[in-house]
C-alpha atoms as a PDB file:
ATOM      1  CA  UNK A   1     -40.923  69.557  39.769  1.00  0.00           C
ATOM      2  CA  UNK A   2     -38.452  67.038  40.988  1.00  0.00           C
ATOM      3  CA  UNK A   3     -38.568  65.820  44.572  1.00  0.00           C
ATOM      4  CA  UNK A   4     -35.350  64.448  46.126  1.00  0.00           C
ATOM      5  CA  UNK A   5     -35.404  61.885  48.933  1.00  0.00           C
ATOM      6  CA  UNK A   6     -31.745  61.425  49.837  1.00  0.00           C
ATOM      7  CA  UNK A   7     -32.227  59.010  52.703  1.00  0.00           C
ATOM      8  CA  UNK A   8     -34.701  56.773  50.894  1.00  0.00           C
ATOM      9  CA  UNK A   9     -32.636  56.614  47.716  1.00  0.00           C
ATOM     10  CA  UNK A  10     -29.514  55.632  49.608  1.00  0.00           C
ATOM     11  CA  UNK A  11     -31.366  52.945  51.490  1.00  0.00           C
ATOM     12  CA  UNK A  12     -32.844  51.535  48.290  1.00  0.00           C
ATOM     13  CA  UNK A  13     -29.464  51.460  46.602  1.00  0.00           C
ATOM     14  CA  UNK A  14     -27.844  49.743  49.546  1.00  0.00           C
ATOM     15  CA  UNK A  15     -30.637  47.183  49.678  1.00  0.00           C
ATOM     16  CA  UNK A  16     -30.205  46.466  45.986  1.00  0.00           C
ATOM     17  CA  UNK A  17     -26.486  45.966  46.394  1.00  0.00           C
ATOM     18  CA  UNK A  18     -27.060  43.544  49.251  1.00  0.00           C
ATOM     19  CA  UNK A  19     -29.328  41.486  47.025  1.00  0.00           C
ATOM     20  CA  UNK A  20     -26.830  41.057  44.212  1.00  0.00           C
ATOM     21  CA  UNK A  21     -23.768  40.736  46.443  1.00  0.00           C
ATOM     22  CA  UNK A  22     -22.720  37.080  46.628  1.00  0.00           C
ATOM     23  CA  UNK A  23     -22.939  35.451  50.030  1.00  0.00           C
ATOM     24  CA  UNK A  24     -19.846  33.349  49.418  1.00  0.00           C
ATOM     25  CA  UNK A  25     -16.416  34.259  48.159  1.00  0.00           C
ATOM     26  CA  UNK A  26     -15.920  33.592  44.460  1.00  0.00           C
ATOM     27  CA  UNK A  27     -14.078  30.442  43.512  1.00  0.00           C
ATOM     28  CA  UNK A  28     -12.090  30.128  40.326  1.00  0.00           C
ATOM     29  CA  UNK A  29     -12.589  26.732  38.700  1.00  0.00           C
ATOM     30  CA  UNK A  30     -10.046  25.314  36.328  1.00  0.00           C
ATOM     31  CA  UNK A  31     -11.181  22.854  33.681  1.00  0.00           C
ATOM     32  CA  UNK A  32      -8.557  20.526  32.225  1.00  0.00           C
ATOM     33  CA  UNK A  33      -9.230  18.527  29.088  1.00  0.00           C
ATOM     34  CA  UNK A  34      -7.236  15.372  28.506  1.00  0.00           C
ATOM     35  CA  UNK A  35      -7.166  13.350  25.348  1.00  0.00           C
ATOM     36  CA  UNK A  36      -5.051  11.989  22.540  1.00  0.00           C
ATOM     37  CA  UNK A  37      -3.741  14.259  19.876  1.00  0.00           C
ATOM     38  CA  UNK A  38      -4.979  12.656  16.653  1.00  0.00           C
ATOM     39  CA  UNK A  39      -2.040  14.074  14.765  1.00  0.00           C
ATOM     40  CA  UNK A  40       0.603  12.551  17.007  1.00  0.00           C
ATOM     41  CA  UNK A  41      -0.881  10.100  19.505  1.00  0.00           C
ATOM     42  CA  UNK A  42      -3.513   8.131  17.592  1.00  0.00           C
ATOM     43  CA  UNK A  43      -3.276   4.344  17.982  1.00  0.00           C
ATOM     44  CA  UNK A  44      -3.094   3.964  14.227  1.00  0.00           C
ATOM     45  CA  UNK A  45      -0.017   6.193  14.051  1.00  0.00           C
ATOM     46  CA  UNK A  46       1.584   4.511  17.058  1.00  0.00           C
ATOM     47  CA  UNK A  47       1.111   1.116  15.461  1.00  0.00           C
ATOM     48  CA  UNK A  48       2.070   2.131  11.947  1.00  0.00           C
ATOM     49  CA  UNK A  49       5.765   2.532  12.651  1.00  0.00           C
ATOM     50  CA  UNK A  50       6.387  -0.974  14.058  1.00  0.00           C
ATOM     51  CA  UNK A  51       4.106  -2.488  11.417  1.00  0.00           C
ATOM     52  CA  UNK A  52       5.977  -0.733   8.643  1.00  0.00           C
ATOM     53  CA  UNK A  53       9.295  -1.794  10.144  1.00  0.00           C
ATOM     54  CA  UNK A  54       8.235  -5.452  10.279  1.00  0.00           C
ATOM     55  CA  UNK A  55       6.871  -5.299   6.760  1.00  0.00           C
ATOM     56  CA  UNK A  56      10.039  -3.719   5.388  1.00  0.00           C
ATOM     57  CA  UNK A  57      12.170  -6.393   7.063  1.00  0.00           C
ATOM     58  CA  UNK A  58       9.950  -9.081   5.554  1.00  0.00           C
ATOM     59  CA  UNK A  59      10.065  -7.416   2.136  1.00  0.00           C
ATOM     60  CA  UNK A  60      13.843  -7.088   2.006  1.00  0.00           C
ATOM     61  CA  UNK A  61      14.185 -10.552   3.506  1.00  0.00           C
ATOM     62  CA  UNK A  62      12.038 -12.021   0.735  1.00  0.00           C
ATOM     63  CA  UNK A  63      14.102 -10.161  -1.851  1.00  0.00           C
ATOM     64  CA  UNK A  64      17.318 -11.621  -0.459  1.00  0.00           C
ATOM     65  CA  UNK A  65      15.687 -15.050  -0.259  1.00  0.00           C
ATOM     66  CA  UNK A  66      14.725 -14.780  -3.904  1.00  0.00           C
ATOM     67  CA  UNK A  67      18.263 -13.837  -4.880  1.00  0.00           C
ATOM     68  CA  UNK A  68      19.639 -16.804  -2.920  1.00  0.00           C
ATOM     69  CA  UNK A  69      17.071 -19.122  -4.492  1.00  0.00           C
ATOM     70  CA  UNK A  70      18.074 -17.948  -7.959  1.00  0.00           C
ATOM     71  CA  UNK A  71      21.505 -19.511  -7.474  1.00  0.00           C
ATOM     72  CA  UNK A  72      19.895 -22.873  -6.710  1.00  0.00           C
ATOM     73  CA  UNK A  73      17.717 -22.979  -9.812  1.00  0.00           C
ATOM     74  CA  UNK A  74      18.883 -24.774 -12.947  1.00  0.00           C
ATOM     75  CA  UNK A  75      20.627 -22.408 -15.394  1.00  0.00           C
ATOM     76  CA  UNK A  76      17.829 -22.777 -17.941  1.00  0.00           C
ATOM     77  CA  UNK A  77      15.310 -21.336 -15.490  1.00  0.00           C
ATOM     78  CA  UNK A  78      17.334 -18.425 -14.190  1.00  0.00           C
ATOM     79  CA  UNK A  79      16.590 -15.951 -16.943  1.00  0.00           C
ATOM     80  CA  UNK A  80      13.051 -15.034 -17.900  1.00  0.00           C
ATOM     81  CA  UNK A  81      12.696 -14.264 -21.604  1.00  0.00           C
ATOM     82  CA  UNK A  82      12.856 -10.525 -22.105  1.00  0.00           C
ATOM     83  CA  UNK A  83       9.932  -9.278 -24.122  1.00  0.00           C
ATOM     84  CA  UNK A  84      11.541  -6.575 -26.264  1.00  0.00           C
ATOM     85  CA  UNK A  85       9.547  -5.368 -29.197  1.00  0.00           C
ATOM     86  CA  UNK A  86       9.162  -2.192 -31.206  1.00  0.00           C
ATOM     87  CA  UNK A  87       6.005  -0.408 -30.132  1.00  0.00           C
ATOM     88  CA  UNK A  88       4.199   1.968 -32.450  1.00  0.00           C
ATOM     89  CA  UNK A  89       5.093   5.641 -31.906  1.00  0.00           C
ATOM     90  CA  UNK A  90       3.470   8.868 -33.021  1.00  0.00           C
ATOM     91  CA  UNK A  91       5.148  11.694 -34.961  1.00  0.00           C
ATOM     92  CA  UNK A  92       6.731  13.088 -31.772  1.00  0.00           C
ATOM     93  CA  UNK A  93       8.402   9.766 -31.016  1.00  0.00           C
ATOM     94  CA  UNK A  94       6.183   8.921 -28.043  1.00  0.00           C
ATOM     95  CA  UNK A  95       4.430   5.581 -27.739  1.00  0.00           C
ATOM     96  CA  UNK A  96       0.690   6.017 -28.002  1.00  0.00           C
ATOM     97  CA  UNK A  97      -1.331   5.368 -24.846  1.00  0.00           C
ATOM     98  CA  UNK A  98      -3.610   2.654 -26.329  1.00  0.00           C
ATOM     99  CA  UNK A  99      -0.515   0.710 -27.402  1.00  0.00           C
ATOM    100  CA  UNK A 100       0.933   0.806 -23.868  1.00  0.00           C
ATOM    101  CA  UNK A 101      -2.413  -0.206 -22.329  1.00  0.00           C
ATOM    102  CA  UNK A 102      -2.830  -3.138 -24.662  1.00  0.00           C
ATOM    103  CA  UNK A 103       0.722  -4.244 -23.873  1.00  0.00           C
ATOM    104  CA  UNK A 104       0.024  -4.153 -20.122  1.00  0.00           C
ATOM    105  CA  UNK A 105      -3.120  -6.236 -20.580  1.00  0.00           C
ATOM    106  CA  UNK A 106      -1.165  -8.869 -22.504  1.00  0.00           C
ATOM    107  CA  UNK A 107       1.524  -8.886 -19.826  1.00  0.00           C
ATOM    108  CA  UNK A 108      -1.186  -9.654 -17.257  1.00  0.00           C
ATOM    109  CA  UNK A 109      -2.045 -12.767 -19.264  1.00  0.00           C
ATOM    110  CA  UNK A 110       1.539 -13.881 -18.642  1.00  0.00           C
ATOM    111  CA  UNK A 111       1.218 -13.076 -14.899  1.00  0.00           C
ATOM    112  CA  UNK A 112       4.121 -10.666 -15.176  1.00  0.00           C
ATOM    113  CA  UNK A 113       3.913  -9.809 -11.448  1.00  0.00           C
ATOM    114  CA  UNK A 114       5.299 -13.259 -10.735  1.00  0.00           C
ATOM    115  CA  UNK A 115       7.035 -14.391 -13.904  1.00  0.00           C
ATOM    116  CA  UNK A 116       8.805 -11.128 -14.692  1.00  0.00           C
ATOM    117  CA  UNK A 117       7.777 -11.736 -18.292  1.00  0.00           C
ATOM    118  CA  UNK A 118       6.754  -8.211 -19.277  1.00  0.00           C
ATOM    119  CA  UNK A 119       7.251  -5.951 -22.273  1.00  0.00           C
ATOM    120  CA  UNK A 120      10.241  -3.854 -21.227  1.00  0.00           C
ATOM    121  CA  UNK A 121       9.725  -1.352 -24.043  1.00  0.00           C
ATOM    122  CA  UNK A 122       6.557  -0.133 -22.294  1.00  0.00           C
ATOM    123  CA  UNK A 123       8.490   1.061 -19.218  1.00  0.00           C
ATOM    124  CA  UNK A 124      11.082   3.704 -18.504  1.00  0.00           C
ATOM    125  CA  UNK A 125      14.403   2.176 -17.493  1.00  0.00           C
ATOM    126  CA  UNK A 126      14.283   4.134 -14.216  1.00  0.00           C
ATOM    127  CA  UNK A 127      10.598   3.507 -13.644  1.00  0.00           C
ATOM    128  CA  UNK A 128       9.567   3.706  -9.981  1.00  0.00           C
ATOM    129  CA  UNK A 129       7.982   0.551  -8.582  1.00  0.00           C
ATOM    130  CA  UNK A 130       6.090   0.825  -5.294  1.00  0.00           C
ATOM    131  CA  UNK A 131       3.952  -1.486  -3.179  1.00  0.00           C
ATOM    132  CA  UNK A 132       2.741  -1.571   0.458  1.00  0.00           C
ATOM    133  CA  UNK A 133       6.239  -2.473   1.680  1.00  0.00           C
ATOM    134  CA  UNK A 134       8.356   0.131  -0.069  1.00  0.00           C
ATOM    135  CA  UNK A 135       9.549   1.473  -3.383  1.00  0.00           C
ATOM    136  CA  UNK A 136      12.579   1.503  -5.630  1.00  0.00           C
ATOM    137  CA  UNK A 137      13.591   2.582  -9.127  1.00  0.00           C
ATOM    138  CA  UNK A 138      14.852   0.352 -11.898  1.00  0.00           C
ATOM    139  CA  UNK A 139      13.187  -1.934 -14.424  1.00  0.00           C
ATOM    140  CA  UNK A 140      15.897  -4.581 -14.154  1.00  0.00           C
ATOM    141  CA  UNK A 141      15.467  -4.869 -10.392  1.00  0.00           C
ATOM    142  CA  UNK A 142      11.716  -5.245 -10.759  1.00  0.00           C
ATOM    143  CA  UNK A 143      12.149  -8.001 -13.329  1.00  0.00           C
ATOM    144  CA  UNK A 144      14.657  -9.787 -11.120  1.00  0.00           C
ATOM    145  CA  UNK A 145      12.401  -9.622  -8.050  1.00  0.00           C
ATOM    146  CA  UNK A 146       9.386 -10.871 -10.012  1.00  0.00           C
ATOM    147  CA  UNK A 147      11.364 -13.749 -11.497  1.00  0.00           C
ATOM    148  CA  UNK A 148      12.814 -14.732  -8.121  1.00  0.00           C
ATOM    149  CA  UNK A 149       9.410 -14.573  -6.463  1.00  0.00           C
ATOM    150  CA  UNK A 150       7.991 -16.730  -9.236  1.00  0.00           C
ATOM    151  CA  UNK A 151      10.454 -19.472  -8.354  1.00  0.00           C
ATOM    152  CA  UNK A 152       8.780 -19.679  -4.911  1.00  0.00           C
ATOM    153  CA  UNK A 153       5.219 -19.923  -6.260  1.00  0.00           C
ATOM    154  CA  UNK A 154       3.018 -22.922  -7.080  1.00  0.00           C
ATOM    155  CA  UNK A 155      -0.498 -23.007  -8.543  1.00  0.00           C
ATOM    156  CA  UNK A 156      -0.553 -19.390  -9.580  1.00  0.00           C
ATOM    157  CA  UNK A 157      -3.826 -17.702 -10.513  1.00  0.00           C
ATOM    158  CA  UNK A 158      -3.719 -14.045 -11.563  1.00  0.00           C
ATOM    159  CA  UNK A 159      -6.287 -12.135 -13.565  1.00  0.00           C
ATOM    160  CA  UNK A 160      -6.900  -8.553 -14.665  1.00  0.00           C
ATOM    161  CA  UNK A 161     -10.534  -7.883 -13.737  1.00  0.00           C
ATOM    162  CA  UNK A 162     -10.982  -4.233 -14.746  1.00  0.00           C
ATOM    163  CA  UNK A 163      -9.142  -1.408 -16.479  1.00  0.00           C
ATOM    164  CA  UNK A 164      -9.753   2.318 -15.982  1.00  0.00           C
ATOM    165  CA  UNK A 165      -8.323   5.167 -18.048  1.00  0.00           C
ATOM    166  CA  UNK A 166      -7.596   8.611 -16.630  1.00  0.00           C
ATOM    167  CA  UNK A 167      -5.836  11.674 -17.968  1.00  0.00           C
ATOM    168  CA  UNK A 168      -2.429  10.999 -16.422  1.00  0.00           C
ATOM    169  CA  UNK A 169      -2.655   7.304 -15.565  1.00  0.00           C
ATOM    170  CA  UNK A 170      -4.376   3.991 -16.005  1.00  0.00           C
ATOM    171  CA  UNK A 171      -5.573   1.678 -13.230  1.00  0.00           C
ATOM    172  CA  UNK A 172      -5.636  -2.085 -13.546  1.00  0.00           C
ATOM    173  CA  UNK A 173      -7.705  -4.003 -10.983  1.00  0.00           C
ATOM    174  CA  UNK A 174      -6.615  -7.587 -10.373  1.00  0.00           C
ATOM    175  CA  UNK A 175      -7.039 -10.652  -8.207  1.00  0.00           C
ATOM    176  CA  UNK A 176      -4.262 -12.982  -7.261  1.00  0.00           C
ATOM    177  CA  UNK A 177      -3.766 -16.264  -5.440  1.00  0.00           C
ATOM    178  CA  UNK A 178      -0.995 -18.810  -5.177  1.00  0.00           C
ATOM    179  CA  UNK A 179       0.574 -21.430  -2.954  1.00  0.00           C
ATOM    180  CA  UNK A 180       4.087 -20.591  -1.851  1.00  0.00           C
ATOM    181  CA  UNK A 181       6.538 -23.458  -2.094  1.00  0.00           C
ATOM    182  CA  UNK A 182       7.659 -23.138   1.515  1.00  0.00           C
ATOM    183  CA  UNK A 183       7.582 -26.267   3.699  1.00  0.00           C
ATOM    184  CA  UNK A 184       4.359 -25.120   5.401  1.00  0.00           C
ATOM    185  CA  UNK A 185       2.678 -24.416   2.018  1.00  0.00           C
ATOM    186  CA  UNK A 186       1.074 -21.039   2.848  1.00  0.00           C
ATOM    187  CA  UNK A 187      -1.664 -19.635   0.629  1.00  0.00           C
ATOM    188  CA  UNK A 188      -1.345 -16.037  -0.513  1.00  0.00           C
ATOM    189  CA  UNK A 189      -4.578 -14.537  -1.772  1.00  0.00           C
ATOM    190  CA  UNK A 190      -5.626 -10.928  -2.350  1.00  0.00           C
ATOM    191  CA  UNK A 191      -7.222  -8.427  -4.652  1.00  0.00           C
ATOM    192  CA  UNK A 192      -5.847  -5.024  -5.489  1.00  0.00           C
ATOM    193  CA  UNK A 193      -5.061  -2.554  -8.198  1.00  0.00           C
ATOM    194  CA  UNK A 194      -2.032  -1.018  -9.851  1.00  0.00           C
ATOM    195  CA  UNK A 195      -1.636   2.578 -10.954  1.00  0.00           C
ATOM    196  CA  UNK A 196       0.350   3.114 -14.142  1.00  0.00           C
ATOM    197  CA  UNK A 197       1.606   6.686 -14.557  1.00  0.00           C
ATOM    198  CA  UNK A 198       2.715   7.632 -18.052  1.00  0.00           C
ATOM    199  CA  UNK A 199       5.638   9.870 -18.934  1.00  0.00           C
ATOM    200  CA  UNK A 200       4.476  12.895 -20.924  1.00  0.00           C
ATOM    201  CA  UNK A 201       7.459  12.746 -23.266  1.00  0.00           C
ATOM    202  CA  UNK A 202       7.962   9.075 -24.061  1.00  0.00           C
ATOM    203  CA  UNK A 203       4.473   7.778 -23.296  1.00  0.00           C
ATOM    204  CA  UNK A 204       6.035   4.920 -21.318  1.00  0.00           C
ATOM    205  CA  UNK A 205       5.147   3.899 -17.767  1.00  0.00           C
ATOM    206  CA  UNK A 206       7.223   5.965 -15.345  1.00  0.00           C
ATOM    207  CA  UNK A 207       5.551   4.884 -12.077  1.00  0.00           C
ATOM    208  CA  UNK A 208       4.056   1.484 -11.230  1.00  0.00           C
ATOM    209  CA  UNK A 209       2.246   1.642  -7.867  1.00  0.00           C
ATOM    210  CA  UNK A 210       0.605  -1.468  -6.396  1.00  0.00           C
ATOM    211  CA  UNK A 211      -2.227  -1.285  -3.876  1.00  0.00           C
ATOM    212  CA  UNK A 212      -3.461  -4.362  -2.014  1.00  0.00           C
ATOM    213  CA  UNK A 213      -7.038  -4.461  -0.728  1.00  0.00           C
ATOM    214  CA  UNK A 214      -5.945  -6.156   2.495  1.00  0.00           C
ATOM    215  CA  UNK A 215      -4.075  -4.755   5.501  1.00  0.00           C
ATOM    216  CA  UNK A 216      -0.315  -4.851   5.166  1.00  0.00           C
ATOM    217  CA  UNK A 217       0.205  -7.134   8.145  1.00  0.00           C
ATOM    218  CA  UNK A 218      -2.488  -9.504   6.868  1.00  0.00           C
ATOM    219  CA  UNK A 219      -0.282 -10.256   3.859  1.00  0.00           C
ATOM    220  CA  UNK A 220       2.594 -11.163   6.154  1.00  0.00           C
ATOM    221  CA  UNK A 221       0.281 -13.294   8.309  1.00  0.00           C
ATOM    222  CA  UNK A 222      -0.823 -15.218   5.222  1.00  0.00           C
ATOM    223  CA  UNK A 223       2.783 -16.018   4.390  1.00  0.00           C
ATOM    224  CA  UNK A 224       3.500 -17.213   7.935  1.00  0.00           C
ATOM    225  CA  UNK A 225       0.285 -19.244   8.329  1.00  0.00           C
ATOM    226  CA  UNK A 226       0.592 -22.968   7.480  1.00  0.00           C
ATOM    227  CA  UNK A 227      -2.170 -24.516   5.428  1.00  0.00           C
ATOM    228  CA  UNK A 228      -4.516 -26.950   7.126  1.00  0.00           C
ATOM    229  CA  UNK A 229      -3.524 -29.613   4.659  1.00  0.00           C
ATOM    230  CA  UNK A 230       0.077 -29.297   5.798  1.00  0.00           C
ATOM    231  CA  UNK A 231      -0.913 -29.377   9.473  1.00  0.00           C
ATOM    232  CA  UNK A 232      -3.386 -32.266   9.444  1.00  0.00           C
ATOM    233  CA  UNK A 233      -2.644 -34.378   6.435  1.00  0.00           C
ATOM    234  CA  UNK A 234       1.099 -34.843   6.592  1.00  0.00           C
ATOM    235  CA  UNK A 235       2.484 -38.216   5.739  1.00  0.00           C
ATOM    236  CA  UNK A 236       3.560 -40.554   8.564  1.00  0.00           C
ATOM    237  CA  UNK A 237       7.201 -39.859   7.807  1.00  0.00           C
ATOM    238  CA  UNK A 238       6.573 -36.155   8.458  1.00  0.00           C
ATOM    239  CA  UNK A 239       6.963 -34.986   4.870  1.00  0.00           C
END
């Protein structure tokens, strides 16, 4: 049998409500989070644009300097011998990969990066050449830039240190150092690697992508930094 106590139940309910009722009015707190958007505001991204701009100016400036220097060289030194030779092809007419790789390795022995003395038959005429400063297409332009740069180099040392084969490309690891024949005699030294992408039809190199294992601006700083020998051991007449 149920017993109903109306007064007591109401009092108990009211007491319970008083316990859970807040003594202070509720306040709505707003939390604001501030920070950099890594996709748009990161320091690396903010700095990359001016760095790339400076590097591109330096790259195109060096290209123009090389072209100007080519007019000052004796006629016998202007043209680098073109290494044209018939490379072995398979039944489809494509040059076999081992033949191209062996050709690249021999071109490294001639420091083709600087001398421009490379086997042109191993490359597509519109091969893309890229490095940390930019990219362009055209085998003749690459040869010209290499030859012109070589005219500004003394005491060159370049060596292929490792070769890797992959399905669609080969990678040549190298080390390089030289003294540039500027008045302040800067030393340029770096290691890096080059990716050689092969055309599926001809077997030739269709993309030649250089990677330097030093920051892009560090390369420019090396070019602008005078050697200690030039700073401290100049002759009395200033030469």
